[in-house]
Amino acid sequence: MGEVITGRTRGGADWTPEFVTELDASTCIGCGRCYKVCPRDVFQLVERGDMVDDDDDFYDDDDEMMVMTIANADDCIGCVSCARVCPKNCHTHQPLAG
């Protein structure tokens, strides 16, 4: 595997983008903060039942709670803004090898 993709900030400091790789729908509360802060439309709101195992006894079958999902992972620029605003720490990120 090659070196990790890096860049520089405007001030000249080294910066390593960390791209979103997962979003835990079982802990997501659907607040929309990540959706609102993302500059690239990476996320999409979906029904929780479409994302979480049906064996989860915590939620009713009638529960139509909405949660975020990663809809356009390839559009992520690695800014990690989504994780910074998430009150439930649902996002997982990692650098990308070039």
C-alpha atoms as a PDB file:
ATOM      1  CA  MET A   1       0.000   0.000   0.000  1.00  0.00           C
ATOM      2  CA  GLY A   2       1.283   3.482  -0.843  1.00  0.00           C
ATOM      3  CA  GLU A   3       1.825   6.493   1.336  1.00  0.00           C
ATOM      4  CA  VAL A   4      -1.101   8.205   3.007  1.00  0.00           C
ATOM      5  CA  ILE A   5      -2.548  11.148   1.084  1.00  0.00           C
ATOM      6  CA  THR A   6      -1.491  14.409   2.734  1.00  0.00           C
ATOM      7  CA  GLY A   7      -1.850  18.080   2.014  1.00  0.00           C
ATOM      8  CA  ARG A   8      -0.975  21.476   3.400  1.00  0.00           C
ATOM      9  CA  THR A   9      -3.083  24.057   5.122  1.00  0.00           C
ATOM     10  CA  ARG A  10      -3.128  27.643   3.962  1.00  0.00           C
ATOM     11  CA  GLY A  11      -0.554  28.379   6.671  1.00  0.00           C
ATOM     12  CA  GLY A  12       1.764  25.683   5.323  1.00  0.00           C
ATOM     13  CA  ALA A  13       1.216  23.051   8.015  1.00  0.00           C
ATOM     14  CA  ASP A  14       0.975  19.404   6.993  1.00  0.00           C
ATOM     15  CA  TRP A  15      -2.568  18.027   7.004  1.00  0.00           C
ATOM     16  CA  THR A  16      -3.811  14.461   6.587  1.00  0.00           C
ATOM     17  CA  PRO A  17      -7.451  14.170   5.504  1.00  0.00           C
ATOM     18  CA  GLU A  18      -9.425  11.405   7.200  1.00  0.00           C
ATOM     19  CA  PHE A  19     -12.286  10.127   5.051  1.00  0.00           C
ATOM     20  CA  VAL A  20     -15.568   8.816   6.458  1.00  0.00           C
ATOM     21  CA  THR A  21     -15.701   5.012   6.212  1.00  0.00           C
ATOM     22  CA  GLU A  22     -18.667   4.102   8.430  1.00  0.00           C
ATOM     23  CA  LEU A  23     -21.682   5.588  10.155  1.00  0.00           C
ATOM     24  CA  ASP A  24     -23.200   3.577  13.022  1.00  0.00           C
ATOM     25  CA  ALA A  25     -26.965   3.664  12.420  1.00  0.00           C
ATOM     26  CA  SER A  26     -27.632   1.925  15.745  1.00  0.00           C
ATOM     27  CA  THR A  27     -26.349   4.957  17.681  1.00  0.00           C
ATOM     28  CA  CYS A  28     -27.387   7.692  15.222  1.00  0.00           C
ATOM     29  CA  ILE A  29     -30.270   9.851  16.459  1.00  0.00           C
ATOM     30  CA  GLY A  30     -30.975  11.440  13.070  1.00  0.00           C
ATOM     31  CA  CYS A  31     -30.254  14.969  14.282  1.00  0.00           C
ATOM     32  CA  GLY A  32     -28.939  15.993  10.848  1.00  0.00           C
ATOM     33  CA  ARG A  33     -25.909  17.878  12.146  1.00  0.00           C
ATOM     34  CA  CYS A  34     -23.491  15.919   9.952  1.00  0.00           C
ATOM     35  CA  TYR A  35     -25.738  16.448   6.933  1.00  0.00           C
ATOM     36  CA  LYS A  36     -25.885  20.196   7.542  1.00  0.00           C
ATOM     37  CA  VAL A  37     -22.140  20.659   8.064  1.00  0.00           C
ATOM     38  CA  CYS A  38     -20.960  18.437   5.188  1.00  0.00           C
ATOM     39  CA  PRO A  39     -19.849  20.584   2.227  1.00  0.00           C
ATOM     40  CA  ARG A  40     -20.121  17.684  -0.244  1.00  0.00           C
ATOM     41  CA  ASP A  41     -23.535  16.018   0.324  1.00  0.00           C
ATOM     42  CA  VAL A  42     -21.972  12.776   1.545  1.00  0.00           C
ATOM     43  CA  PHE A  43     -24.916  11.869   3.826  1.00  0.00           C
ATOM     44  CA  GLN A  44     -28.563  10.987   3.296  1.00  0.00           C
ATOM     45  CA  LEU A  45     -31.470  10.599   5.726  1.00  0.00           C
ATOM     46  CA  VAL A  46     -33.095   7.139   5.627  1.00  0.00           C
ATOM     47  CA  GLU A  47     -35.511   5.148   7.770  1.00  0.00           C
ATOM     48  CA  ARG A  48     -33.715   3.473  10.656  1.00  0.00           C
ATOM     49  CA  GLY A  49     -35.305   0.110   9.859  1.00  0.00           C
ATOM     50  CA  ASP A  50     -33.454   0.047   6.545  1.00  0.00           C
ATOM     51  CA  MET A  51     -30.074   0.327   8.296  1.00  0.00           C
ATOM     52  CA  VAL A  52     -30.313  -1.605  11.598  1.00  0.00           C
ATOM     53  CA  ASP A  53     -30.771  -5.326  12.262  1.00  0.00           C
ATOM     54  CA  ASP A  54     -34.405  -6.256  12.970  1.00  0.00           C
ATOM     55  CA  ASP A  55     -33.320  -8.228  16.073  1.00  0.00           C
ATOM     56  CA  ASP A  56     -32.767  -4.958  17.961  1.00  0.00           C
ATOM     57  CA  ASP A  57     -35.390  -5.116  20.762  1.00  0.00           C
ATOM     58  CA  PHE A  58     -34.849  -1.508  21.824  1.00  0.00           C
ATOM     59  CA  TYR A  59     -36.949  -0.126  18.960  1.00  0.00           C
ATOM     60  CA  ASP A  60     -40.535  -1.009  18.073  1.00  0.00           C
ATOM     61  CA  ASP A  61     -41.431  -2.373  14.648  1.00  0.00           C
ATOM     62  CA  ASP A  62     -43.551   0.744  14.180  1.00  0.00           C
ATOM     63  CA  ASP A  63     -40.573   2.994  14.878  1.00  0.00           C
ATOM     64  CA  GLU A  64     -40.005   5.107  11.764  1.00  0.00           C
ATOM     65  CA  MET A  65     -37.038   7.005  13.158  1.00  0.00           C
ATOM     66  CA  MET A  66     -34.808   8.553  10.533  1.00  0.00           C
ATOM     67  CA  VAL A  67     -31.021   8.161  10.666  1.00  0.00           C
ATOM     68  CA  MET A  68     -28.113   9.197   8.475  1.00  0.00           C
ATOM     69  CA  THR A  69     -26.330   6.927   6.053  1.00  0.00           C
ATOM     70  CA  ILE A  70     -23.301   7.437   3.832  1.00  0.00           C
ATOM     71  CA  ALA A  71     -24.775   8.005   0.381  1.00  0.00           C
ATOM     72  CA  ASN A  72     -21.786   9.420  -1.522  1.00  0.00           C
ATOM     73  CA  ALA A  73     -18.582   8.239   0.164  1.00  0.00           C
ATOM     74  CA  ASP A  74     -16.505   9.112  -2.897  1.00  0.00           C
ATOM     75  CA  ASP A  75     -17.421  12.785  -2.449  1.00  0.00           C
ATOM     76  CA  CYS A  76     -15.909  12.963   1.066  1.00  0.00           C
ATOM     77  CA  ILE A  77     -12.976  15.402   1.252  1.00  0.00           C
ATOM     78  CA  GLY A  78     -11.710  14.193   4.632  1.00  0.00           C
ATOM     79  CA  CYS A  79     -12.459  17.341   6.649  1.00  0.00           C
ATOM     80  CA  VAL A  80     -13.956  15.329   9.572  1.00  0.00           C
ATOM     81  CA  SER A  81     -16.528  18.084  10.202  1.00  0.00           C
ATOM     82  CA  CYS A  82     -19.254  15.447  10.522  1.00  0.00           C
ATOM     83  CA  ALA A  83     -17.526  13.742  13.442  1.00  0.00           C
ATOM     84  CA  ARG A  84     -16.867  17.043  15.181  1.00  0.00           C
ATOM     85  CA  VAL A  85     -20.584  17.913  15.319  1.00  0.00           C
ATOM     86  CA  CYS A  86     -21.975  14.426  16.012  1.00  0.00           C
ATOM     87  CA  PRO A  87     -23.287  14.177  19.599  1.00  0.00           C
ATOM     88  CA  LYS A  88     -23.228  10.349  19.479  1.00  0.00           C
ATOM     89  CA  ASN A  89     -19.809   9.732  17.845  1.00  0.00           C
ATOM     90  CA  CYS A  90     -21.379   7.711  15.021  1.00  0.00           C
ATOM     91  CA  HIS A  91     -18.705   8.337  12.380  1.00  0.00           C
ATOM     92  CA  THR A  92     -15.557   6.362  11.675  1.00  0.00           C
ATOM     93  CA  HIS A  93     -12.759   7.926   9.588  1.00  0.00           C
ATOM     94  CA  GLN A  94      -9.386   6.886   8.258  1.00  0.00           C
ATOM     95  CA  PRO A  95      -6.664   8.324   6.045  1.00  0.00           C
ATOM     96  CA  LEU A  96      -6.509   7.114   2.467  1.00  0.00           C
ATOM     97  CA  ALA A  97      -3.424   5.609   0.876  1.00  0.00           C
ATOM     98  CA  GLY A  98      -2.502   7.166  -2.450  1.00  0.00           C
END
